[in-house]
Structure formats: C-alpha cells, structure tokens
C-alpha atoms as a PDB file:
ATOM      1  CA  UNK A   1      43.471 137.455  45.588  1.00  0.00           C
ATOM      2  CA  UNK A   2      42.495 139.686  48.461  1.00  0.00           C
ATOM      3  CA  UNK A   3      38.986 141.287  47.396  1.00  0.00           C
ATOM      4  CA  UNK A   4      37.416 144.364  48.753  1.00  0.00           C
ATOM      5  CA  UNK A   5      33.481 144.818  48.464  1.00  0.00           C
ATOM      6  CA  UNK A   6      32.110 148.324  47.773  1.00  0.00           C
ATOM      7  CA  UNK A   7      28.655 149.122  48.158  1.00  0.00           C
ATOM      8  CA  UNK A   8      26.556 147.060  50.379  1.00  0.00           C
ATOM      9  CA  UNK A   9      22.921 147.564  49.333  1.00  0.00           C
ATOM     10  CA  UNK A  10      20.000 145.039  48.422  1.00  0.00           C
ATOM     11  CA  UNK A  11      22.754 143.268  45.636  1.00  0.00           C
ATOM     12  CA  UNK A  12      25.904 144.472  47.058  1.00  0.00           C
ATOM     13  CA  UNK A  13      25.594 142.790  50.473  1.00  0.00           C
ATOM     14  CA  UNK A  14      24.799 139.105  49.428  1.00  0.00           C
ATOM     15  CA  UNK A  15      27.599 139.442  46.822  1.00  0.00           C
ATOM     16  CA  UNK A  16      30.048 140.360  49.628  1.00  0.00           C
ATOM     17  CA  UNK A  17      28.918 137.358  51.566  1.00  0.00           C
ATOM     18  CA  UNK A  18      29.586 135.173  48.699  1.00  0.00           C
ATOM     19  CA  UNK A  19      33.042 136.468  48.422  1.00  0.00           C
ATOM     20  CA  UNK A  20      33.199 135.769  52.157  1.00  0.00           C
ATOM     21  CA  UNK A  21      32.078 132.430  51.426  1.00  0.00           C
ATOM     22  CA  UNK A  22      34.628 131.750  48.782  1.00  0.00           C
ATOM     23  CA  UNK A  23      37.604 133.035  51.074  1.00  0.00           C
ATOM     24  CA  UNK A  24      38.544 136.074  48.941  1.00  0.00           C
ATOM     25  CA  UNK A  25      36.648 139.188  51.091  1.00  0.00           C
ATOM     26  CA  UNK A  26      39.004 141.151  52.842  1.00  0.00           C
ATOM     27  CA  UNK A  27      37.183 144.134  53.471  1.00  0.00           C
ATOM     28  CA  UNK A  28      33.873 145.988  53.254  1.00  0.00           C
ATOM     29  CA  UNK A  29      33.033 149.618  52.561  1.00  0.00           C
ATOM     30  CA  UNK A  30      29.729 151.670  52.245  1.00  0.00           C
ATOM     31  CA  UNK A  31      29.040 155.279  52.555  1.00  0.00           C
ATOM     32  CA  UNK A  32      26.909 154.750  55.427  1.00  0.00           C
ATOM     33  CA  UNK A  33      28.582 153.966  58.451  1.00  0.00           C
ATOM     34  CA  UNK A  34      26.212 151.697  60.057  1.00  0.00           C
ATOM     35  CA  UNK A  35      25.677 149.543  57.241  1.00  0.00           C
ATOM     36  CA  UNK A  36      29.401 148.845  56.299  1.00  0.00           C
ATOM     37  CA  UNK A  37      29.715 148.408  60.219  1.00  0.00           C
ATOM     38  CA  UNK A  38      26.994 145.942  60.468  1.00  0.00           C
ATOM     39  CA  UNK A  39      28.122 144.092  57.464  1.00  0.00           C
ATOM     40  CA  UNK A  40      31.971 143.984  58.222  1.00  0.00           C
ATOM     41  CA  UNK A  41      31.200 142.528  62.010  1.00  0.00           C
ATOM     42  CA  UNK A  42      28.918 139.719  60.149  1.00  0.00           C
ATOM     43  CA  UNK A  43      31.317 138.721  58.049  1.00  0.00           C
ATOM     44  CA  UNK A  44      34.382 139.251  60.261  1.00  0.00           C
ATOM     45  CA  UNK A  45      36.322 141.507  58.094  1.00  0.00           C
ATOM     46  CA  UNK A  46      37.449 145.445  58.548  1.00  0.00           C
ATOM     47  CA  UNK A  47      35.110 147.952  57.361  1.00  0.00           C
ATOM     48  CA  UNK A  48      37.382 151.309  57.107  1.00  0.00           C
ATOM     49  CA  UNK A  49      35.880 154.724  57.181  1.00  0.00           C
ATOM     50  CA  UNK A  50      37.713 155.951  54.224  1.00  0.00           C
ATOM     51  CA  UNK A  51      38.247 154.618  51.001  1.00  0.00           C
ATOM     52  CA  UNK A  52      41.768 155.363  51.446  1.00  0.00           C
ATOM     53  CA  UNK A  53      42.261 152.973  53.942  1.00  0.00           C
ATOM     54  CA  UNK A  54      40.177 150.360  52.581  1.00  0.00           C
ATOM     55  CA  UNK A  55      42.052 150.314  49.323  1.00  0.00           C
ATOM     56  CA  UNK A  56      45.342 149.503  50.203  1.00  0.00           C
ATOM     57  CA  UNK A  57      43.983 146.126  51.764  1.00  0.00           C
ATOM     58  CA  UNK A  58      42.927 144.733  48.419  1.00  0.00           C
ATOM     59  CA  UNK A  59      44.335 143.086  45.180  1.00  0.00           C
ATOM     60  CA  UNK A  60      40.940 143.654  43.830  1.00  0.00           C
ATOM     61  CA  UNK A  61      37.635 145.733  44.562  1.00  0.00           C
ATOM     62  CA  UNK A  62      33.933 144.760  43.538  1.00  0.00           C
ATOM     63  CA  UNK A  63      31.863 147.721  43.262  1.00  0.00           C
ATOM     64  CA  UNK A  64      28.088 147.512  43.291  1.00  0.00           C
ATOM     65  CA  UNK A  65      26.512 151.181  44.048  1.00  0.00           C
ATOM     66  CA  UNK A  66      23.300 152.831  42.303  1.00  0.00           C
ATOM     67  CA  UNK A  67      24.388 155.395  39.873  1.00  0.00           C
ATOM     68  CA  UNK A  68      27.218 156.772  37.237  1.00  0.00           C
ATOM     69  CA  UNK A  69      28.387 159.994  39.680  1.00  0.00           C
ATOM     70  CA  UNK A  70      28.890 157.046  42.317  1.00  0.00           C
ATOM     71  CA  UNK A  71      31.067 154.763  40.226  1.00  0.00           C
ATOM     72  CA  UNK A  72      33.104 157.813  39.310  1.00  0.00           C
ATOM     73  CA  UNK A  73      33.417 158.908  42.570  1.00  0.00           C
ATOM     74  CA  UNK A  74      34.372 155.474  44.025  1.00  0.00           C
ATOM     75  CA  UNK A  75      37.152 154.938  40.968  1.00  0.00           C
ATOM     76  CA  UNK A  76      38.595 158.517  41.697  1.00  0.00           C
ATOM     77  CA  UNK A  77      39.273 157.708  45.168  1.00  0.00           C
ATOM     78  CA  UNK A  78      40.583 154.037  44.616  1.00  0.00           C
ATOM     79  CA  UNK A  79      42.610 155.536  41.923  1.00  0.00           C
ATOM     80  CA  UNK A  80      44.506 157.488  44.755  1.00  0.00           C
ATOM     81  CA  UNK A  81      45.020 154.288  46.835  1.00  0.00           C
ATOM     82  CA  UNK A  82      45.193 151.042  45.013  1.00  0.00           C
ATOM     83  CA  UNK A  83      48.455 149.525  44.157  1.00  0.00           C
ATOM     84  CA  UNK A  84      49.580 149.606  40.646  1.00  0.00           C
ATOM     85  CA  UNK A  85      48.132 146.082  39.229  1.00  0.00           C
ATOM     86  CA  UNK A  86      45.146 145.869  41.206  1.00  0.00           C
ATOM     87  CA  UNK A  87      41.752 145.088  39.321  1.00  0.00           C
ATOM     88  CA  UNK A  88      38.382 147.100  39.790  1.00  0.00           C
ATOM     89  CA  UNK A  89      35.380 145.189  38.853  1.00  0.00           C
ATOM     90  CA  UNK A  90      32.211 147.212  38.616  1.00  0.00           C
ATOM     91  CA  UNK A  91      29.198 145.260  38.896  1.00  0.00           C
ATOM     92  CA  UNK A  92      26.733 148.607  39.160  1.00  0.00           C
ATOM     93  CA  UNK A  93      24.600 149.582  36.070  1.00  0.00           C
ATOM     94  CA  UNK A  94      25.677 152.710  34.675  1.00  0.00           C
ATOM     95  CA  UNK A  95      26.249 153.952  30.684  1.00  0.00           C
ATOM     96  CA  UNK A  96      29.069 152.432  28.778  1.00  0.00           C
ATOM     97  CA  UNK A  97      30.441 155.802  28.346  1.00  0.00           C
ATOM     98  CA  UNK A  98      30.963 156.129  32.345  1.00  0.00           C
ATOM     99  CA  UNK A  99      32.833 152.295  31.986  1.00  0.00           C
ATOM    100  CA  UNK A 100      34.961 153.697  29.571  1.00  0.00           C
ATOM    101  CA  UNK A 101      35.581 156.796  31.733  1.00  0.00           C
ATOM    102  CA  UNK A 102      36.195 154.758  34.841  1.00  0.00           C
ATOM    103  CA  UNK A 103      38.734 152.490  33.142  1.00  0.00           C
ATOM    104  CA  UNK A 104      40.547 155.784  31.779  1.00  0.00           C
ATOM    105  CA  UNK A 105      40.910 157.221  35.087  1.00  0.00           C
ATOM    106  CA  UNK A 106      42.257 154.061  36.860  1.00  0.00           C
ATOM    107  CA  UNK A 107      44.643 153.179  33.656  1.00  0.00           C
ATOM    108  CA  UNK A 108      46.313 156.193  34.592  1.00  0.00           C
ATOM    109  CA  UNK A 109      47.478 154.508  37.609  1.00  0.00           C
ATOM    110  CA  UNK A 110      48.332 151.250  36.265  1.00  0.00           C
ATOM    111  CA  UNK A 111      44.944 149.998  37.853  1.00  0.00           C
ATOM    112  CA  UNK A 112      42.912 147.450  35.804  1.00  0.00           C
ATOM    113  CA  UNK A 113      39.287 147.863  35.237  1.00  0.00           C
ATOM    114  CA  UNK A 114      36.179 145.779  34.166  1.00  0.00           C
ATOM    115  CA  UNK A 115      32.675 146.766  33.846  1.00  0.00           C
ATOM    116  CA  UNK A 116      30.779 143.799  34.792  1.00  0.00           C
ATOM    117  CA  UNK A 117      26.876 144.563  35.383  1.00  0.00           C
ATOM    118  CA  UNK A 118      25.024 141.491  36.685  1.00  0.00           C
ATOM    119  CA  UNK A 119      21.539 140.047  36.234  1.00  0.00           C
ATOM    120  CA  UNK A 120      19.414 137.985  38.504  1.00  0.00           C
ATOM    121  CA  UNK A 121      17.916 140.154  41.188  1.00  0.00           C
ATOM    122  CA  UNK A 122      18.280 139.885  44.709  1.00  0.00           C
ATOM    123  CA  UNK A 123      17.745 136.212  44.535  1.00  0.00           C
ATOM    124  CA  UNK A 124      20.614 135.662  42.179  1.00  0.00           C
ATOM    125  CA  UNK A 125      23.006 137.809  44.347  1.00  0.00           C
ATOM    126  CA  UNK A 126      22.235 135.749  47.359  1.00  0.00           C
ATOM    127  CA  UNK A 127      22.852 132.517  45.648  1.00  0.00           C
ATOM    128  CA  UNK A 128      25.596 133.246  43.616  1.00  0.00           C
ATOM    129  CA  UNK A 129      23.914 132.564  40.523  1.00  0.00           C
ATOM    130  CA  UNK A 130      23.939 135.976  38.957  1.00  0.00           C
ATOM    131  CA  UNK A 131      24.553 136.489  35.049  1.00  0.00           C
ATOM    132  CA  UNK A 132      27.505 138.386  34.593  1.00  0.00           C
ATOM    133  CA  UNK A 133      28.116 140.799  31.678  1.00  0.00           C
ATOM    134  CA  UNK A 134      31.766 141.540  31.256  1.00  0.00           C
ATOM    135  CA  UNK A 135      33.438 144.624  29.512  1.00  0.00           C
ATOM    136  CA  UNK A 136      37.369 144.463  29.213  1.00  0.00           C
ATOM    137  CA  UNK A 137      40.753 142.559  28.095  1.00  0.00           C
ATOM    138  CA  UNK A 138      41.373 139.064  28.251  1.00  0.00           C
ATOM    139  CA  UNK A 139      43.952 139.245  30.661  1.00  0.00           C
ATOM    140  CA  UNK A 140      41.857 140.852  33.463  1.00  0.00           C
ATOM    141  CA  UNK A 141      38.969 138.528  32.626  1.00  0.00           C
ATOM    142  CA  UNK A 142      41.069 135.741  33.458  1.00  0.00           C
ATOM    143  CA  UNK A 143      42.449 137.210  36.761  1.00  0.00           C
ATOM    144  CA  UNK A 144      38.832 138.020  37.933  1.00  0.00           C
ATOM    145  CA  UNK A 145      37.674 134.265  37.331  1.00  0.00           C
ATOM    146  CA  UNK A 146      37.614 133.277  41.076  1.00  0.00           C
ATOM    147  CA  UNK A 147      35.929 136.458  41.956  1.00  0.00           C
ATOM    148  CA  UNK A 148      32.887 136.138  39.260  1.00  0.00           C
ATOM    149  CA  UNK A 149      32.486 132.786  39.770  1.00  0.00           C
ATOM    150  CA  UNK A 150      31.870 133.350  43.429  1.00  0.00           C
ATOM    151  CA  UNK A 151      29.318 135.651  42.429  1.00  0.00           C
ATOM    152  CA  UNK A 152      27.527 134.197  39.382  1.00  0.00           C
ATOM    153  CA  UNK A 153      26.712 131.394  37.218  1.00  0.00           C
ATOM    154  CA  UNK A 154      26.987 132.771  33.490  1.00  0.00           C
ATOM    155  CA  UNK A 155      29.788 134.637  32.865  1.00  0.00           C
ATOM    156  CA  UNK A 156      30.799 135.821  29.456  1.00  0.00           C
ATOM    157  CA  UNK A 157      33.457 138.386  28.289  1.00  0.00           C
ATOM    158  CA  UNK A 158      30.991 140.293  25.694  1.00  0.00           C
ATOM    159  CA  UNK A 159      34.056 142.855  24.482  1.00  0.00           C
ATOM    160  CA  UNK A 160      36.479 146.024  25.625  1.00  0.00           C
ATOM    161  CA  UNK A 161      35.284 147.774  28.454  1.00  0.00           C
ATOM    162  CA  UNK A 162      31.909 149.340  27.786  1.00  0.00           C
ATOM    163  CA  UNK A 163      30.297 146.227  26.157  1.00  0.00           C
ATOM    164  CA  UNK A 164      29.531 144.943  29.697  1.00  0.00           C
ATOM    165  CA  UNK A 165      27.072 147.886  30.214  1.00  0.00           C
ATOM    166  CA  UNK A 166      26.023 147.785  26.975  1.00  0.00           C
ATOM    167  CA  UNK A 167      24.525 144.024  27.085  1.00  0.00           C
ATOM    168  CA  UNK A 168      23.080 144.974  30.239  1.00  0.00           C
ATOM    169  CA  UNK A 169      21.157 147.879  28.504  1.00  0.00           C
ATOM    170  CA  UNK A 170      19.944 144.902  26.249  1.00  0.00           C
ATOM    171  CA  UNK A 171      18.867 143.072  29.295  1.00  0.00           C
ATOM    172  CA  UNK A 172      17.238 145.989  30.437  1.00  0.00           C
ATOM    173  CA  UNK A 173      14.853 146.253  27.629  1.00  0.00           C
ATOM    174  CA  UNK A 174      14.156 142.699  27.329  1.00  0.00           C
ATOM    175  CA  UNK A 175      13.052 142.943  31.479  1.00  0.00           C
ATOM    176  CA  UNK A 176      11.035 146.102  30.921  1.00  0.00           C
ATOM    177  CA  UNK A 177       9.055 143.833  27.661  1.00  0.00           C
ATOM    178  CA  UNK A 178       8.476 140.840  30.061  1.00  0.00           C
ATOM    179  CA  UNK A 179       7.312 142.887  32.790  1.00  0.00           C
ATOM    180  CA  UNK A 180       4.847 144.851  30.875  1.00  0.00           C
ATOM    181  CA  UNK A 181       3.679 141.537  28.847  1.00  0.00           C
ATOM    182  CA  UNK A 182       3.133 139.355  31.829  1.00  0.00           C
ATOM    183  CA  UNK A 183       1.374 141.927  34.290  1.00  0.00           C
ATOM    184  CA  UNK A 184      -0.914 143.222  31.469  1.00  0.00           C
ATOM    185  CA  UNK A 185      -1.670 139.384  30.890  1.00  0.00           C
ATOM    186  CA  UNK A 186      -2.265 138.531  34.293  1.00  0.00           C
ATOM    187  CA  UNK A 187      -4.519 141.686  34.799  1.00  0.00           C
ATOM    188  CA  UNK A 188      -6.501 140.319  32.064  1.00  0.00           C
ATOM    189  CA  UNK A 189      -6.837 137.149  33.163  1.00  0.00           C
ATOM    190  CA  UNK A 190      -8.100 138.202  36.592  1.00  0.00           C
ATOM    191  CA  UNK A 191     -10.450 140.457  34.790  1.00  0.00           C
ATOM    192  CA  UNK A 192     -11.730 137.319  32.887  1.00  0.00           C
ATOM    193  CA  UNK A 193     -12.714 135.815  36.276  1.00  0.00           C
ATOM    194  CA  UNK A 194      -9.681 132.833  35.368  1.00  0.00           C
ATOM    195  CA  UNK A 195      -7.903 131.059  38.276  1.00  0.00           C
ATOM    196  CA  UNK A 196      -4.701 132.423  38.355  1.00  0.00           C
ATOM    197  CA  UNK A 197      -2.484 129.876  40.104  1.00  0.00           C
ATOM    198  CA  UNK A 198      -3.880 127.771  37.156  1.00  0.00           C
ATOM    199  CA  UNK A 199      -3.146 130.223  34.317  1.00  0.00           C
ATOM    200  CA  UNK A 200       0.430 130.621  35.889  1.00  0.00           C
ATOM    201  CA  UNK A 201       1.298 127.004  36.038  1.00  0.00           C
ATOM    202  CA  UNK A 202      -0.527 126.014  32.735  1.00  0.00           C
ATOM    203  CA  UNK A 203       1.320 128.931  30.402  1.00  0.00           C
ATOM    204  CA  UNK A 204       4.771 128.344  32.409  1.00  0.00           C
ATOM    205  CA  UNK A 205       4.648 125.407  30.649  1.00  0.00           C
ATOM    206  CA  UNK A 206       4.348 126.697  27.041  1.00  0.00           C
ATOM    207  CA  UNK A 207       5.527 129.665  24.749  1.00  0.00           C
ATOM    208  CA  UNK A 208       4.330 132.137  27.103  1.00  0.00           C
ATOM    209  CA  UNK A 209       6.714 130.395  29.806  1.00  0.00           C
ATOM    210  CA  UNK A 210       9.508 132.969  31.441  1.00  0.00           C
ATOM    211  CA  UNK A 211      11.468 133.689  34.634  1.00  0.00           C
ATOM    212  CA  UNK A 212       9.226 136.603  35.452  1.00  0.00           C
ATOM    213  CA  UNK A 213       6.104 134.700  35.062  1.00  0.00           C
ATOM    214  CA  UNK A 214       7.398 131.990  37.465  1.00  0.00           C
ATOM    215  CA  UNK A 215       9.057 133.961  39.936  1.00  0.00           C
ATOM    216  CA  UNK A 216       6.625 137.227  39.921  1.00  0.00           C
ATOM    217  CA  UNK A 217       3.460 135.916  39.064  1.00  0.00           C
ATOM    218  CA  UNK A 218       2.450 133.798  41.921  1.00  0.00           C
ATOM    219  CA  UNK A 219       3.188 137.074  44.375  1.00  0.00           C
ATOM    220  CA  UNK A 220       1.772 139.804  42.300  1.00  0.00           C
ATOM    221  CA  UNK A 221      -1.539 138.036  41.946  1.00  0.00           C
ATOM    222  CA  UNK A 222      -1.708 138.012  46.016  1.00  0.00           C
ATOM    223  CA  UNK A 223      -1.069 142.016  45.673  1.00  0.00           C
ATOM    224  CA  UNK A 224       2.524 141.200  47.153  1.00  0.00           C
ATOM    225  CA  UNK A 225       5.816 142.796  45.579  1.00  0.00           C
ATOM    226  CA  UNK A 226       8.703 141.223  47.327  1.00  0.00           C
ATOM    227  CA  UNK A 227      11.785 143.191  46.333  1.00  0.00           C
ATOM    228  CA  UNK A 228      13.682 141.604  43.759  1.00  0.00           C
ATOM    229  CA  UNK A 229      14.474 145.030  41.570  1.00  0.00           C
ATOM    230  CA  UNK A 230      13.271 148.389  42.623  1.00  0.00           C
ATOM    231  CA  UNK A 231      11.127 150.310  40.527  1.00  0.00           C
ATOM    232  CA  UNK A 232      13.343 153.230  40.997  1.00  0.00           C
ATOM    233  CA  UNK A 233      16.411 151.582  39.799  1.00  0.00           C
ATOM    234  CA  UNK A 234      15.013 150.017  36.910  1.00  0.00           C
ATOM    235  CA  UNK A 235      13.593 153.980  35.644  1.00  0.00           C
ATOM    236  CA  UNK A 236      17.342 154.585  36.234  1.00  0.00           C
ATOM    237  CA  UNK A 237      18.752 152.385  34.088  1.00  0.00           C
ATOM    238  CA  UNK A 238      15.985 152.574  31.213  1.00  0.00           C
ATOM    239  CA  UNK A 239      16.883 156.176  31.259  1.00  0.00           C
ATOM    240  CA  UNK A 240      20.497 154.930  30.387  1.00  0.00           C
ATOM    241  CA  UNK A 241      18.653 153.132  27.508  1.00  0.00           C
ATOM    242  CA  UNK A 242      16.938 155.722  26.488  1.00  0.00           C
ATOM    243  CA  UNK A 243      19.876 158.088  26.166  1.00  0.00           C
ATOM    244  CA  UNK A 244      21.729 155.679  24.331  1.00  0.00           C
ATOM    245  CA  UNK A 245      18.951 154.851  21.643  1.00  0.00           C
ATOM    246  CA  UNK A 246      18.512 158.549  21.286  1.00  0.00           C
ATOM    247  CA  UNK A 247      22.283 158.930  20.344  1.00  0.00           C
ATOM    248  CA  UNK A 248      21.334 156.811  17.375  1.00  0.00           C
ATOM    249  CA  UNK A 249      18.393 158.446  16.191  1.00  0.00           C
ATOM    250  CA  UNK A 250      16.197 155.893  17.902  1.00  0.00           C
ATOM    251  CA  UNK A 251      13.009 155.846  20.181  1.00  0.00           C
ATOM    252  CA  UNK A 252      12.001 152.553  22.010  1.00  0.00           C
ATOM    253  CA  UNK A 253       8.348 152.371  22.685  1.00  0.00           C
ATOM    254  CA  UNK A 254       8.638 149.739  25.400  1.00  0.00           C
ATOM    255  CA  UNK A 255      11.133 151.424  27.132  1.00  0.00           C
ATOM    256  CA  UNK A 256       9.545 154.792  26.828  1.00  0.00           C
ATOM    257  CA  UNK A 257       5.993 153.147  28.024  1.00  0.00           C
ATOM    258  CA  UNK A 258       7.714 151.625  30.991  1.00  0.00           C
ATOM    259  CA  UNK A 259       9.295 154.889  31.889  1.00  0.00           C
ATOM    260  CA  UNK A 260       5.773 156.469  32.173  1.00  0.00           C
ATOM    261  CA  UNK A 261       4.500 153.574  34.028  1.00  0.00           C
ATOM    262  CA  UNK A 262       7.227 153.727  36.566  1.00  0.00           C
ATOM    263  CA  UNK A 263       6.728 157.779  36.901  1.00  0.00           C
ATOM    264  CA  UNK A 264       3.071 156.758  38.013  1.00  0.00           C
ATOM    265  CA  UNK A 265       4.484 154.145  40.403  1.00  0.00           C
ATOM    266  CA  UNK A 266       6.718 156.454  42.005  1.00  0.00           C
ATOM    267  CA  UNK A 267       4.310 159.390  42.389  1.00  0.00           C
ATOM    268  CA  UNK A 268       1.829 156.922  43.947  1.00  0.00           C
ATOM    269  CA  UNK A 269       4.474 155.925  46.739  1.00  0.00           C
ATOM    270  CA  UNK A 270       5.719 152.468  44.921  1.00  0.00           C
ATOM    271  CA  UNK A 271       8.919 153.320  43.861  1.00  0.00           C
ATOM    272  CA  UNK A 272      10.977 151.152  46.279  1.00  0.00           C
ATOM    273  CA  UNK A 273       8.758 148.219  45.542  1.00  0.00           C
ATOM    274  CA  UNK A 274       9.951 145.312  42.809  1.00  0.00           C
ATOM    275  CA  UNK A 275       8.972 146.186  39.478  1.00  0.00           C
ATOM    276  CA  UNK A 276       6.213 143.469  39.459  1.00  0.00           C
ATOM    277  CA  UNK A 277       4.337 146.481  41.166  1.00  0.00           C
ATOM    278  CA  UNK A 278       3.420 147.143  37.636  1.00  0.00           C
ATOM    279  CA  UNK A 279       0.676 144.863  38.222  1.00  0.00           C
ATOM    280  CA  UNK A 280      -0.821 147.671  40.360  1.00  0.00           C
ATOM    281  CA  UNK A 281      -1.518 149.922  37.254  1.00  0.00           C
ATOM    282  CA  UNK A 282      -2.664 147.006  34.821  1.00  0.00           C
ATOM    283  CA  UNK A 283      -5.231 145.535  37.333  1.00  0.00           C
ATOM    284  CA  UNK A 284      -6.496 149.312  37.935  1.00  0.00           C
ATOM    285  CA  UNK A 285      -6.819 149.496  34.106  1.00  0.00           C
ATOM    286  CA  UNK A 286      -9.960 147.259  34.161  1.00  0.00           C
ATOM    287  CA  UNK A 287     -11.458 149.006  37.237  1.00  0.00           C
ATOM    288  CA  UNK A 288     -11.780 152.264  35.568  1.00  0.00           C
ATOM    289  CA  UNK A 289     -11.626 151.429  31.974  1.00  0.00           C
ATOM    290  CA  UNK A 290      -8.344 153.769  31.583  1.00  0.00           C
ATOM    291  CA  UNK A 291      -6.586 151.345  29.256  1.00  0.00           C
ATOM    292  CA  UNK A 292      -3.494 152.424  30.313  1.00  0.00           C
END
C-alpha cells in the first residue's frame, strides 16, 4: 500500500518517519512549503506543492492536522484527486460530527474514511507506540492494519465513523484530570518542603502512580516543560469536549476549570508549552495564597 502523509507538525512528522521505516510512505504534504520540502528530502519521497498532485500517488492518506476546518479542507481536496477505493485515515483530533461529515464527503467519490485519533504525545509518535482509537467499518479497519501498526501499539475499532473521536474526547477529559491532579499535588509537596524526586518515585509505585506523574513530574519540578502536548491544542480539544457535553445538557467541572487555567497560561505567553505548564499556576497558588 502506498501511503501519503498530510500534516507534518510535532505529531505528523514523526508519524511520517515511522511510515517510511515500514516501507509504506510514498509522499508527504504540508501547508508550509519549507516543512514539506524538508521532510520530503529527509525521507526521500516527493513533496508536491498541491494536494491535487499529491493524492494520485497514494492508495491511502494519513492526515494529522490541527483543527476541524483544516481536516475538511484537506478532505475536500483529496476527494477530487484520490482514486475510488482509496482510504483516508484521519489522526487529527476533531469533533465526531466533523468525522462523519468527512466520511460523507469522501464516500460520494467511493473513497473510504476512518477517524483514528491518537494518544501518547510526541514520544509515542516518535517511537511508534501511540494508542489509536478508530471509528469506521470492519473492512476499512482490516486494510488499514499495516498503516496503523506502523504508528501505534494499542489499536482498537471503537465503532462506526465518529466513534474514534468520541473515544478521544474521553481521553482528553482523563488527561485534563491527570494533569490537574498531578500538578496540584506536586505544588503542594513543594510548598511542604518535601524532596520532590522522592515524592515522585515513591508515589509512582502506589495508587497515585500514573503516566503523567512518571513522565512529566521530573521535568516540571525543575521548571522545565518539554513539549509533549501543547496547551493551545488541549485547550482546543477540551472546547470540542465541552460542546459535546453541552449538547447533552451537561457541564464537566474538570474540563471547565482546565480551560480557565489554560486561558491564563495562554495570556501569560505559555500556550506553546506542554500541558505540564499547569504547574506554573499551581506553584504560584502557594506563593500568593490565591487558592487557584
């Protein structure tokens, strides 16, 4: 299967590299010319200027872009140029409604579609260990296996188109909760004068242990926030979650508080940092007695 990669950002570029390692990558495309040229040169594949030139090279396309409008713009361009029977796999995080809309637009031209958002941060994208939540039909899921296995380790079909994005919404709520709890707990530990390295090591072996504590704890307590998942992107994702919950007449307190905190970080110029930058706010609570 000849696979093209669309979107070469912090997640998309390492995913393209893993497709290349698996011998699947045929071409890359990115809206920014310098990026697509650099990645194409690195991986030894074409980087056409237009999607209309890119699409005919591909049997399948993996998309990883930032927003709903970007996904639909890519889908509309691909729908005009991909061959019938081709498959589009969208690994972006967008709404379930957008996924269903994309599937409908491509389906008119006989092109398959799966929503396959991912979790695992830039480390997972780099190492090919992403968790992939898929929405689509069994046939498309089966033929997508070589592609998905090049990108991730935990791969599950959650239901029809849209189910992958709904599962990603669940993931983003849980990530918000973990980030809130761990950053707040370590800020409290710091205020109590505890040795933070020992706190992280000890708690990591008990019920408080988590991926976020183990991977982000050691860096955040040094005042370092190496990028895994940008504040601005999680803020966008939680906006999608909030809208989905509102449609059911429900408010989600963890989501709402996290979005308020992200607004503060963005206002302070930290929107491009990893979400562990929440520690900045939690730490400052103890300095000024604000209580959050």
